Structures are given as C-alpha cells and as structure tokens.
C-alpha cells in the first residue's frame, strides 16, 4: 500500500520508518517500509511530496490497514491510504 500526505519532507527523521512499521504492524506482518521523496519538477524550489510504501505479508493485512488509515488525520494532515500496484512496486517504480 502507499500512504500519501502522512508527512512532509521536513518530518522525515531516523525514527519514521520504525514508527510506520510499528503502527502498520497492528494490522499484520509488515515486510518492509520505503519512504520515498518525489520532486514535483526540475526546479530547485519544486515541491517535494512524500510517499510511504508499506508491504505486508498478506493482502488481508494490507486491506485492514487501508481501511483503518485512509482519511485518518495524522499530525494535522489527512492521510490517503491505497493499494499500490505490486508489479510496479517490485520493479522499484514508485512514481505512480
């Protein structure tokens, strides 16, 4: 799954991956968490959005997490949680 709008680039620290793993672990076994910063243009001052990818060991765990986290408020931000295409994820294509 991918979590969008959970944090901004200024919120990324050494603890974030562990915090996401712990929170998502409430819904099932987490295989890995990837924090991806995507620049929205070539300009030096282009906005950067943060996507957090969470891979679960089972689709049922992912579905529970999406149900619980989608539209939830976190640090003043409304989180969007959705399924991410597994083939793209496996190919390290995190751009969608």
PDB file of N, CA and C in Angstrom:
ATOM      1  N   UNK A   1       0.844  -1.167   0.000  1.00  0.00           N
ATOM      2  CA  UNK A   1       0.000   0.000   0.000  1.00  0.00           C
ATOM      3  C   UNK A   1       0.889   1.228   0.000  1.00  0.00           C
ATOM      4  N   UNK A   2       0.293   2.347  -0.356  1.00  0.00           N
ATOM      5  CA  UNK A   2       1.006   3.612  -0.298  1.00  0.00           C
ATOM      6  C   UNK A   2       0.218   4.567   0.587  1.00  0.00           C
ATOM      7  N   UNK A   3       0.953   5.268   1.430  1.00  0.00           N
ATOM      8  CA  UNK A   3       0.379   6.303   2.290  1.00  0.00           C
ATOM      9  C   UNK A   3       0.833   7.640   1.728  1.00  0.00           C
ATOM     10  N   UNK A   4      -0.131   8.474   1.395  1.00  0.00           N
ATOM     11  CA  UNK A   4       0.173   9.798   0.861  1.00  0.00           C
ATOM     12  C   UNK A   4      -0.287  10.851   1.868  1.00  0.00           C
ATOM     13  N   UNK A   5       0.446  11.950   1.912  1.00  0.00           N
ATOM     14  CA  UNK A   5       0.111  13.101   2.760  1.00  0.00           C
ATOM     15  C   UNK A   5       0.204  12.780   4.252  1.00  0.00           C
ATOM     16  N   UNK A   6       0.976  11.763   4.606  1.00  0.00           N
ATOM     17  CA  UNK A   6       1.127  11.439   6.028  1.00  0.00           C
ATOM     18  C   UNK A   6       2.136  12.382   6.688  1.00  0.00           C
ATOM     19  N   UNK A   7       3.213  12.671   5.957  1.00  0.00           N
ATOM     20  CA  UNK A   7       4.251  13.576   6.454  1.00  0.00           C
ATOM     21  C   UNK A   7       4.768  14.425   5.300  1.00  0.00           C
ATOM     22  N   UNK A   8       5.412  15.517   5.645  1.00  0.00           N
ATOM     23  CA  UNK A   8       6.108  16.330   4.664  1.00  0.00           C
ATOM     24  C   UNK A   8       7.597  16.020   4.736  1.00  0.00           C
ATOM     25  N   UNK A   9       8.372  16.520   3.777  1.00  0.00           N
ATOM     26  CA  UNK A   9       9.810  16.239   3.779  1.00  0.00           C
ATOM     27  C   UNK A   9      10.504  16.694   5.063  1.00  0.00           C
ATOM     28  N   UNK A  10       9.977  17.753   5.670  1.00  0.00           N
ATOM     29  CA  UNK A  10      10.577  18.266   6.902  1.00  0.00           C
ATOM     30  C   UNK A  10      10.329  17.347   8.096  1.00  0.00           C
ATOM     31  N   UNK A  11       9.412  16.398   7.958  1.00  0.00           N
ATOM     32  CA  UNK A  11       9.064  15.487   9.058  1.00  0.00           C
ATOM     33  C   UNK A  11       9.851  14.183   9.034  1.00  0.00           C
ATOM     34  N   UNK A  12      10.641  13.973   8.006  1.00  0.00           N
ATOM     35  CA  UNK A  12      11.381  12.711   7.880  1.00  0.00           C
ATOM     36  C   UNK A  12      12.575  12.733   8.829  1.00  0.00           C
ATOM     37  N   UNK A  13      12.662  11.686   9.642  1.00  0.00           N
ATOM     38  CA  UNK A  13      13.804  11.529  10.535  1.00  0.00           C
ATOM     39  C   UNK A  13      14.135  10.047  10.647  1.00  0.00           C
ATOM     40  N   UNK A  14      15.139   9.737  11.451  1.00  0.00           N
ATOM     41  CA  UNK A  14      15.600   8.353  11.576  1.00  0.00           C
ATOM     42  C   UNK A  14      14.564   7.427  12.199  1.00  0.00           C
ATOM     43  N   UNK A  15      13.575   7.996  12.884  1.00  0.00           N
ATOM     44  CA  UNK A  15      12.583   7.178  13.575  1.00  0.00           C
ATOM     45  C   UNK A  15      11.344   6.871  12.731  1.00  0.00           C
ATOM     46  N   UNK A  16      11.161   7.586  11.633  1.00  0.00           N
ATOM     47  CA  UNK A  16       9.910   7.481  10.887  1.00  0.00           C
ATOM     48  C   UNK A  16       9.633   6.068  10.383  1.00  0.00           C
ATOM     49  N   UNK A  17      10.620   5.429   9.802  1.00  0.00           N
ATOM     50  CA  UNK A  17      10.408   4.078   9.273  1.00  0.00           C
ATOM     51  C   UNK A  17       9.954   3.125  10.371  1.00  0.00           C
ATOM     52  N   UNK A  18      10.596   3.178  11.527  1.00  0.00           N
ATOM     53  CA  UNK A  18      10.222   2.323  12.647  1.00  0.00           C
ATOM     54  C   UNK A  18       8.837   2.631  13.168  1.00  0.00           C
ATOM     55  N   UNK A  19       8.491   3.919  13.204  1.00  0.00           N
ATOM     56  CA  UNK A  19       7.158   4.309  13.672  1.00  0.00           C
ATOM     57  C   UNK A  19       6.073   3.795  12.730  1.00  0.00           C
ATOM     58  N   UNK A  20       6.312   3.895  11.427  1.00  0.00           N
ATOM     59  CA  UNK A  20       5.340   3.402  10.446  1.00  0.00           C
ATOM     60  C   UNK A  20       5.231   1.885  10.539  1.00  0.00           C
ATOM     61  N   UNK A  21       6.366   1.216  10.666  1.00  0.00           N
ATOM     62  CA  UNK A  21       6.368  -0.243  10.796  1.00  0.00           C
ATOM     63  C   UNK A  21       5.577  -0.673  12.027  1.00  0.00           C
ATOM     64  N   UNK A  22       5.782   0.013  13.137  1.00  0.00           N
ATOM     65  CA  UNK A  22       5.077  -0.319  14.377  1.00  0.00           C
ATOM     66  C   UNK A  22       3.569  -0.087  14.228  1.00  0.00           C
ATOM     67  N   UNK A  23       3.187   1.080  13.688  1.00  0.00           N
ATOM     68  CA  UNK A  23       1.770   1.404  13.530  1.00  0.00           C
ATOM     69  C   UNK A  23       1.089   0.413  12.579  1.00  0.00           C
ATOM     70  N   UNK A  24       1.715   0.131  11.449  1.00  0.00           N
ATOM     71  CA  UNK A  24       1.116  -0.769  10.468  1.00  0.00           C
ATOM     72  C   UNK A  24       1.167  -2.227  10.932  1.00  0.00           C
ATOM     73  N   UNK A  25       2.096  -2.522  11.832  1.00  0.00           N
ATOM     74  CA  UNK A  25       2.182  -3.871  12.384  1.00  0.00           C
ATOM     75  C   UNK A  25       0.958  -4.256  13.197  1.00  0.00           C
ATOM     76  N   UNK A  26       0.146  -3.282  13.575  1.00  0.00           N
ATOM     77  CA  UNK A  26      -1.102  -3.562  14.288  1.00  0.00           C
ATOM     78  C   UNK A  26      -2.103  -4.289  13.389  1.00  0.00           C
ATOM     79  N   UNK A  27      -1.878  -4.213  12.074  1.00  0.00           N
ATOM     80  CA  UNK A  27      -2.820  -4.805  11.118  1.00  0.00           C
ATOM     81  C   UNK A  27      -2.308  -6.115  10.524  1.00  0.00           C
ATOM     82  N   UNK A  28      -1.055  -6.447  10.785  1.00  0.00           N
ATOM     83  CA  UNK A  28      -0.475  -7.685  10.263  1.00  0.00           C
ATOM     84  C   UNK A  28       1.019  -7.526  10.074  1.00  0.00           C
ATOM     85  N   UNK A  29       1.655  -8.583   9.590  1.00  0.00           N
ATOM     86  CA  UNK A  29       3.104  -8.594   9.440  1.00  0.00           C
ATOM     87  C   UNK A  29       3.546  -7.672   8.299  1.00  0.00           C
ATOM     88  N   UNK A  30       4.428  -6.740   8.638  1.00  0.00           N
ATOM     89  CA  UNK A  30       4.989  -5.806   7.660  1.00  0.00           C
ATOM     90  C   UNK A  30       6.304  -6.389   7.151  1.00  0.00           C
ATOM     91  N   UNK A  31       6.410  -6.508   5.836  1.00  0.00           N
ATOM     92  CA  UNK A  31       7.666  -6.985   5.234  1.00  0.00           C
ATOM     93  C   UNK A  31       8.696  -5.880   5.147  1.00  0.00           C
ATOM     94  N   UNK A  32       8.258  -4.700   4.653  1.00  0.00           N
ATOM     95  CA  UNK A  32       9.189  -3.578   4.555  1.00  0.00           C
ATOM     96  C   UNK A  32       8.432  -2.269   4.385  1.00  0.00           C
ATOM     97  N   UNK A  33       9.136  -1.197   4.720  1.00  0.00           N
ATOM     98  CA  UNK A  33       8.622   0.162   4.584  1.00  0.00           C
ATOM     99  C   UNK A  33       9.647   0.952   3.777  1.00  0.00           C
ATOM    100  N   UNK A  34       9.164   1.680   2.775  1.00  0.00           N
ATOM    101  CA  UNK A  34      10.031   2.528   1.961  1.00  0.00           C
ATOM    102  C   UNK A  34       9.485   3.954   2.030  1.00  0.00           C
ATOM    103  N   UNK A  35      10.323   4.881   2.399  1.00  0.00           N
ATOM    104  CA  UNK A  35       9.952   6.287   2.432  1.00  0.00           C
ATOM    105  C   UNK A  35      10.559   6.935   1.194  1.00  0.00           C
ATOM    106  N   UNK A  36       9.696   7.452   0.342  1.00  0.00           N
ATOM    107  CA  UNK A  36      10.109   7.960  -0.970  1.00  0.00           C
ATOM    108  C   UNK A  36       9.757   9.431  -1.090  1.00  0.00           C
ATOM    109  N   UNK A  37      10.760  10.237  -1.413  1.00  0.00           N
ATOM    110  CA  UNK A  37      10.549  11.668  -1.624  1.00  0.00           C
ATOM    111  C   UNK A  37      10.561  11.932  -3.128  1.00  0.00           C
ATOM    112  N   UNK A  38       9.487  12.535  -3.610  1.00  0.00           N
ATOM    113  CA  UNK A  38       9.342  12.755  -5.046  1.00  0.00           C
ATOM    114  C   UNK A  38       9.274  14.256  -5.346  1.00  0.00           C
ATOM    115  N   UNK A  39      10.270  14.734  -6.086  1.00  0.00           N
ATOM    116  CA  UNK A  39      10.304  16.139  -6.501  1.00  0.00           C
ATOM    117  C   UNK A  39       9.298  16.335  -7.621  1.00  0.00           C
ATOM    118  N   UNK A  40       8.515  17.402  -7.533  1.00  0.00           N
ATOM    119  CA  UNK A  40       7.421  17.638  -8.466  1.00  0.00           C
ATOM    120  C   UNK A  40       7.816  18.505  -9.658  1.00  0.00           C
ATOM    121  N   UNK A  41       9.103  18.603  -9.925  1.00  0.00           N
ATOM    122  CA  UNK A  41       9.585  19.359 -11.069  1.00  0.00           C
ATOM    123  C   UNK A  41      11.099  19.417 -11.045  1.00  0.00           C
ATOM    124  N   UNK A  42      11.672  20.018 -12.068  1.00  0.00           N
ATOM    125  CA  UNK A  42      13.129  20.104 -12.176  1.00  0.00           C
ATOM    126  C   UNK A  42      13.708  21.303 -11.427  1.00  0.00           C
ATOM    127  N   UNK A  43      12.873  22.272 -11.091  1.00  0.00           N
ATOM    128  CA  UNK A  43      13.340  23.482 -10.436  1.00  0.00           C
ATOM    129  C   UNK A  43      13.900  23.173  -9.047  1.00  0.00           C
ATOM    130  N   UNK A  44      14.862  23.975  -8.620  1.00  0.00           N
ATOM    131  CA  UNK A  44      15.451  23.783  -7.292  1.00  0.00           C
ATOM    132  C   UNK A  44      14.426  23.934  -6.179  1.00  0.00           C
ATOM    133  N   UNK A  45      13.430  24.800  -6.403  1.00  0.00           N
ATOM    134  CA  UNK A  45      12.433  25.039  -5.365  1.00  0.00           C
ATOM    135  C   UNK A  45      11.125  24.273  -5.599  1.00  0.00           C
ATOM    136  N   UNK A  46      11.180  23.236  -6.435  1.00  0.00           N
ATOM    137  CA  UNK A  46       9.981  22.434  -6.713  1.00  0.00           C
ATOM    138  C   UNK A  46       9.509  21.739  -5.440  1.00  0.00           C
ATOM    139  N   UNK A  47       8.207  21.603  -5.309  1.00  0.00           N
ATOM    140  CA  UNK A  47       7.645  20.903  -4.163  1.00  0.00           C
ATOM    141  C   UNK A  47       8.123  19.461  -4.134  1.00  0.00           C
ATOM    142  N   UNK A  48       8.218  18.925  -2.933  1.00  0.00           N
ATOM    143  CA  UNK A  48       8.569  17.515  -2.735  1.00  0.00           C
ATOM    144  C   UNK A  48       7.424  16.876  -1.965  1.00  0.00           C
ATOM    145  N   UNK A  49       6.905  15.770  -2.507  1.00  0.00           N
ATOM    146  CA  UNK A  49       5.886  15.029  -1.772  1.00  0.00           C
ATOM    147  C   UNK A  49       6.515  13.743  -1.247  1.00  0.00           C
ATOM    148  N   UNK A  50       5.983  13.279  -0.137  1.00  0.00           N
ATOM    149  CA  UNK A  50       6.499  12.068   0.497  1.00  0.00           C
ATOM    150  C   UNK A  50       5.452  10.979   0.371  1.00  0.00           C
ATOM    151  N   UNK A  51       5.881   9.837  -0.168  1.00  0.00           N
ATOM    152  CA  UNK A  51       5.031   8.652  -0.233  1.00  0.00           C
ATOM    153  C   UNK A  51       5.671   7.597   0.662  1.00  0.00           C
ATOM    154  N   UNK A  52       4.848   6.942   1.444  1.00  0.00           N
ATOM    155  CA  UNK A  52       5.348   5.872   2.305  1.00  0.00           C
ATOM    156  C   UNK A  52       4.725   4.571   1.821  1.00  0.00           C
ATOM    157  N   UNK A  53       5.586   3.670   1.372  1.00  0.00           N
ATOM    158  CA  UNK A  53       5.133   2.380   0.861  1.00  0.00           C
ATOM    159  C   UNK A  53       5.292   1.338   1.959  1.00  0.00           C
ATOM    160  N   UNK A  54       4.235   0.565   2.162  1.00  0.00           N
ATOM    161  CA  UNK A  54       4.254  -0.478   3.188  1.00  0.00           C
ATOM    162  C   UNK A  54       3.877  -1.790   2.515  1.00  0.00           C
ATOM    163  N   UNK A  55       4.774  -2.750   2.605  1.00  0.00           N
ATOM    164  CA  UNK A  55       4.498  -4.073   2.040  1.00  0.00           C
ATOM    165  C   UNK A  55       4.169  -5.021   3.189  1.00  0.00           C
ATOM    166  N   UNK A  56       3.007  -5.634   3.096  1.00  0.00           N
ATOM    167  CA  UNK A  56       2.555  -6.608   4.092  1.00  0.00           C
ATOM    168  C   UNK A  56       2.776  -8.028   3.579  1.00  0.00           C
ATOM    169  N   UNK A  57       2.795  -8.978   4.500  1.00  0.00           N
ATOM    170  CA  UNK A  57       2.974 -10.371   4.110  1.00  0.00           C
ATOM    171  C   UNK A  57       1.714 -10.951   3.479  1.00  0.00           C
ATOM    172  N   UNK A  58       0.552 -10.343   3.767  1.00  0.00           N
ATOM    173  CA  UNK A  58      -0.712 -10.845   3.216  1.00  0.00           C
ATOM    174  C   UNK A  58      -1.601  -9.680   2.803  1.00  0.00           C
ATOM    175  N   UNK A  59      -2.350  -9.893   1.722  1.00  0.00           N
ATOM    176  CA  UNK A  59      -3.267  -8.862   1.216  1.00  0.00           C
ATOM    177  C   UNK A  59      -4.330  -8.499   2.253  1.00  0.00           C
ATOM    178  N   UNK A  60      -4.768  -9.451   3.048  1.00  0.00           N
ATOM    179  CA  UNK A  60      -5.793  -9.172   4.059  1.00  0.00           C
ATOM    180  C   UNK A  60      -5.282  -8.164   5.086  1.00  0.00           C
ATOM    181  N   UNK A  61      -3.998  -8.254   5.436  1.00  0.00           N
ATOM    182  CA  UNK A  61      -3.401  -7.308   6.386  1.00  0.00           C
ATOM    183  C   UNK A  61      -3.359  -5.918   5.761  1.00  0.00           C
ATOM    184  N   UNK A  62      -2.970  -5.863   4.499  1.00  0.00           N
ATOM    185  CA  UNK A  62      -2.931  -4.583   3.785  1.00  0.00           C
ATOM    186  C   UNK A  62      -4.320  -3.957   3.738  1.00  0.00           C
ATOM    187  N   UNK A  63      -5.313  -4.767   3.425  1.00  0.00           N
ATOM    188  CA  UNK A  63      -6.682  -4.246   3.318  1.00  0.00           C
ATOM    189  C   UNK A  63      -7.178  -3.699   4.650  1.00  0.00           C
ATOM    190  N   UNK A  64      -6.849  -4.371   5.754  1.00  0.00           N
ATOM    191  CA  UNK A  64      -7.218  -3.871   7.086  1.00  0.00           C
ATOM    192  C   UNK A  64      -6.542  -2.538   7.370  1.00  0.00           C
ATOM    193  N   UNK A  65      -5.272  -2.436   6.997  1.00  0.00           N
ATOM    194  CA  UNK A  65      -4.527  -1.194   7.227  1.00  0.00           C
ATOM    195  C   UNK A  65      -5.114  -0.048   6.413  1.00  0.00           C
ATOM    196  N   UNK A  66      -5.440  -0.310   5.166  1.00  0.00           N
ATOM    197  CA  UNK A  66      -6.024   0.731   4.316  1.00  0.00           C
ATOM    198  C   UNK A  66      -7.348   1.201   4.908  1.00  0.00           C
ATOM    199  N   UNK A  67      -8.161   0.257   5.326  1.00  0.00           N
ATOM    200  CA  UNK A  67      -9.459   0.601   5.909  1.00  0.00           C
ATOM    201  C   UNK A  67      -9.287   1.483   7.151  1.00  0.00           C
ATOM    202  N   UNK A  68      -8.299   1.174   7.956  1.00  0.00           N
ATOM    203  CA  UNK A  68      -8.094   1.908   9.206  1.00  0.00           C
ATOM    204  C   UNK A  68      -7.398   3.256   9.002  1.00  0.00           C
ATOM    205  N   UNK A  69      -6.515   3.349   8.020  1.00  0.00           N
ATOM    206  CA  UNK A  69      -5.680   4.546   7.886  1.00  0.00           C
ATOM    207  C   UNK A  69      -6.185   5.549   6.862  1.00  0.00           C
ATOM    208  N   UNK A  70      -6.958   5.124   5.886  1.00  0.00           N
ATOM    209  CA  UNK A  70      -7.417   6.046   4.858  1.00  0.00           C
ATOM    210  C   UNK A  70      -8.339   7.106   5.465  1.00  0.00           C
ATOM    211  N   UNK A  71      -8.064   8.348   5.146  1.00  0.00           N
ATOM    212  CA  UNK A  71      -8.810   9.516   5.636  1.00  0.00           C
ATOM    213  C   UNK A  71      -8.619   9.790   7.128  1.00  0.00           C
ATOM    214  N   UNK A  72      -7.660   9.131   7.749  1.00  0.00           N
ATOM    215  CA  UNK A  72      -7.347   9.394   9.154  1.00  0.00           C
ATOM    216  C   UNK A  72      -6.443  10.631   9.233  1.00  0.00           C
ATOM    217  N   UNK A  73      -6.609  11.405  10.264  1.00  0.00           N
ATOM    218  CA  UNK A  73      -5.780  12.587  10.462  1.00  0.00           C
ATOM    219  C   UNK A  73      -4.527  12.196  11.224  1.00  0.00           C
ATOM    220  N   UNK A  74      -3.382  12.678  10.750  1.00  0.00           N
ATOM    221  CA  UNK A  74      -2.094  12.396  11.386  1.00  0.00           C
ATOM    222  C   UNK A  74      -1.274  13.682  11.355  1.00  0.00           C
ATOM    223  N   UNK A  75      -0.996  14.246  12.515  1.00  0.00           N
ATOM    224  CA  UNK A  75      -0.186  15.460  12.588  1.00  0.00           C
ATOM    225  C   UNK A  75      -0.753  16.614  11.776  1.00  0.00           C
ATOM    226  N   UNK A  76      -2.078  16.742  11.766  1.00  0.00           N
ATOM    227  CA  UNK A  76      -2.707  17.827  11.035  1.00  0.00           C
ATOM    228  C   UNK A  76      -2.871  17.576   9.548  1.00  0.00           C
ATOM    229  N   UNK A  77      -2.591  16.372   9.106  1.00  0.00           N
ATOM    230  CA  UNK A  77      -2.715  16.011   7.691  1.00  0.00           C
ATOM    231  C   UNK A  77      -3.712  14.875   7.532  1.00  0.00           C
ATOM    232  N   UNK A  78      -4.496  14.944   6.477  1.00  0.00           N
ATOM    233  CA  UNK A  78      -5.444  13.865   6.179  1.00  0.00           C
ATOM    234  C   UNK A  78      -4.734  12.847   5.279  1.00  0.00           C
ATOM    235  N   UNK A  79      -4.537  11.649   5.808  1.00  0.00           N
ATOM    236  CA  UNK A  79      -3.783  10.593   5.126  1.00  0.00           C
ATOM    237  C   UNK A  79      -4.646   9.912   4.075  1.00  0.00           C
ATOM    238  N   UNK A  80      -4.030   9.637   2.935  1.00  0.00           N
ATOM    239  CA  UNK A  80      -4.662   8.810   1.904  1.00  0.00           C
ATOM    240  C   UNK A  80      -3.907   7.488   1.870  1.00  0.00           C
ATOM    241  N   UNK A  81      -4.618   6.399   2.109  1.00  0.00           N
ATOM    242  CA  UNK A  81      -4.025   5.054   2.073  1.00  0.00           C
ATOM    243  C   UNK A  81      -4.708   4.280   0.969  1.00  0.00           C
ATOM    244  N   UNK A  82      -3.904   3.695   0.074  1.00  0.00           N
ATOM    245  CA  UNK A  82      -4.495   2.967  -1.044  1.00  0.00           C
ATOM    246  C   UNK A  82      -3.585   1.843  -1.504  1.00  0.00           C
ATOM    247  N   UNK A  83      -4.163   0.938  -2.250  1.00  0.00           N
ATOM    248  CA  UNK A  83      -3.407  -0.176  -2.824  1.00  0.00           C
ATOM    249  C   UNK A  83      -2.432   0.393  -3.852  1.00  0.00           C
ATOM    250  N   UNK A  84      -1.227  -0.154  -3.889  1.00  0.00           N
ATOM    251  CA  UNK A  84      -0.251   0.220  -4.909  1.00  0.00           C
ATOM    252  C   UNK A  84       0.022  -1.010  -5.760  1.00  0.00           C
ATOM    253  N   UNK A  85       0.150  -0.801  -7.052  1.00  0.00           N
ATOM    254  CA  UNK A  85       0.367  -1.904  -7.991  1.00  0.00           C
ATOM    255  C   UNK A  85       1.622  -2.701  -7.617  1.00  0.00           C
ATOM    256  N   UNK A  86       1.455  -3.986  -7.352  1.00  0.00           N
ATOM    257  CA  UNK A  86       2.560  -4.826  -6.879  1.00  0.00           C
ATOM    258  C   UNK A  86       3.665  -4.950  -7.921  1.00  0.00           C
ATOM    259  N   UNK A  87       3.303  -5.049  -9.195  1.00  0.00           N
ATOM    260  CA  UNK A  87       4.322  -5.163 -10.248  1.00  0.00           C
ATOM    261  C   UNK A  87       5.193  -3.917 -10.305  1.00  0.00           C
ATOM    262  N   UNK A  88       4.569  -2.753 -10.195  1.00  0.00           N
ATOM    263  CA  UNK A  88       5.343  -1.504 -10.188  1.00  0.00           C
ATOM    264  C   UNK A  88       6.243  -1.450  -8.962  1.00  0.00           C
ATOM    265  N   UNK A  89       5.694  -1.849  -7.812  1.00  0.00           N
ATOM    266  CA  UNK A  89       6.483  -1.841  -6.573  1.00  0.00           C
ATOM    267  C   UNK A  89       7.679  -2.770  -6.697  1.00  0.00           C
ATOM    268  N   UNK A  90       7.430  -3.976  -7.193  1.00  0.00           N
ATOM    269  CA  UNK A  90       8.505  -4.962  -7.350  1.00  0.00           C
ATOM    270  C   UNK A  90       9.595  -4.482  -8.300  1.00  0.00           C
ATOM    271  N   UNK A  91       9.211  -3.639  -9.261  1.00  0.00           N
ATOM    272  CA  UNK A  91      10.156  -3.095 -10.233  1.00  0.00           C
ATOM    273  C   UNK A  91      10.789  -1.792  -9.734  1.00  0.00           C
ATOM    274  N   UNK A  92      10.530  -1.452  -8.475  1.00  0.00           N
ATOM    275  CA  UNK A  92      11.014  -0.207  -7.869  1.00  0.00           C
ATOM    276  C   UNK A  92      10.521   1.044  -8.592  1.00  0.00           C
ATOM    277  N   UNK A  93       9.341   0.942  -9.210  1.00  0.00           N
ATOM    278  CA  UNK A  93       8.709   2.095  -9.837  1.00  0.00           C
ATOM    279  C   UNK A  93       7.744   2.683  -8.815  1.00  0.00           C
ATOM    280  N   UNK A  94       8.187   3.729  -8.144  1.00  0.00           N
ATOM    281  CA  UNK A  94       7.407   4.331  -7.072  1.00  0.00           C
ATOM    282  C   UNK A  94       6.765   5.650  -7.523  1.00  0.00           C
ATOM    283  N   UNK A  95       6.687   5.856  -8.817  1.00  0.00           N
ATOM    284  CA  UNK A  95       6.276   7.148  -9.360  1.00  0.00           C
ATOM    285  C   UNK A  95       4.770   7.326  -9.512  1.00  0.00           C
ATOM    286  N   UNK A  96       3.993   6.258  -9.404  1.00  0.00           N
ATOM    287  CA  UNK A  96       2.532   6.383  -9.646  1.00  0.00           C
ATOM    288  C   UNK A  96       1.830   7.000  -8.464  1.00  0.00           C
TER     289      UNK A  96
END
